[in-house]
Amino acid sequence: MASIRLQNEFEKNIYYEYDSSTKPLGEGGMGRVFRGKRIETNNQGTVLRERNVAIKCMYDNLPEHVIMRARREASIRVKSLNLIEMIDFVEIKKGQNVYYHVVSELLEGVNLDELLEGRVDNHDGSPNPFAKKLYNQYQQNRKAFIGMVFRGLLSGISVLHDQGYIHRDIDPSNIMITSDGDVKLIDFGIAKKIDALATTDKQLTSDGQFAGKVCYAAPELVLGDLKHQSKTTDIYALGVTLFQLVTGHLPFEGSFTEVYKKQLNDKLPLKEINDKVLRSIIDKATDKDQNKRYQSAAEFRVAIDEWMSGNGGQDDGKKKKSL
């Protein structure tokens, strides 16, 4: 066992522990994520509270803009059942070196993109009854599935927007289906303060530089147009995600350049969707003109609720293609 303790200099009664010899929960371009604990003590060192957390241990010698991105991600402390909770950013100095860690809520679940491929177990292999239920709905009652997923998503994004942030990277790989029965939006890596000056954001995402995933990106995001990125940028990504949940595939596929051009110029192939009301919802959400999209997650939610109430959230025995 190789237990490691992490504590910021200014946090006298809070520290974190994890075992570096255990298998990471995940590993990506910025670092490895371990299961750990957040421990709160009194001034005498007596443990008052413990909480399981996820600790991302960032790799050594990462560029400064990557560290800034992680620091900003950790600073987005927004409480919602439908958003991952960011907890802390811990810097440990050892000699001339500084080691960085991002602490967040520990989630047991499966990502939505994995669920769409038929995976219903959590990443650690444990069963996830909620994911199994959702996957059965995806196969048998697509409308109920969409209602369950999108109501949660829109609730989360509404809270994020109300706190002054836009996500800018919404897609099924950043949506977690948890064992607790929640749909959570995760990964605030390129989230942006809506009223932040472009000059500040340039340190992380420069004008003319694409950020996000092109298959879900609104025209203003594809162009790197910071001035016009807004709540409606996330609405566009949600509209593309909705199209994918309905049809089982993305509206635009191909090389980066091909999809890039289509996001700028082409309407989604909405003829594939037989449900006129749903087709209209997706059309509005993904309009190239930002002023014609839903202007808020709440407005989008009203449209989804009205569509759901049209026939009680049931498919009336029709095949999935009927949507």
Foldseek 3Di string as FASTA:
>chain_A
DAKDKFDAPVQPFKIKIFHPVDDFLDADDFFTKTWIKIFGDPPVRHTDDIDIKIKGWGDPPDDPLQVVLLVVQLPLAFDDLAAWGWDDWTWDDDPPDIIIMTITHDFFFDFQVVLLVPDQHTSVRHGQVLSVVLSVCLQAQLLLSCLLQLVLVLVVQQRSVVVQKHQQADARRQWTCGSVRGTYGYDSSLIDRLPDDQVVSCSRQHQQGADYDLLQFALCRLRSPSVPDGQLRVLSSVLQRSVCSLPVDGQDDDDSVRSSVCNQDPQGPLVQAQPPLNSVLSRQSNPNDSVSHPPGSVSSSVSSVVVCVPPVSGPVPDGSSND
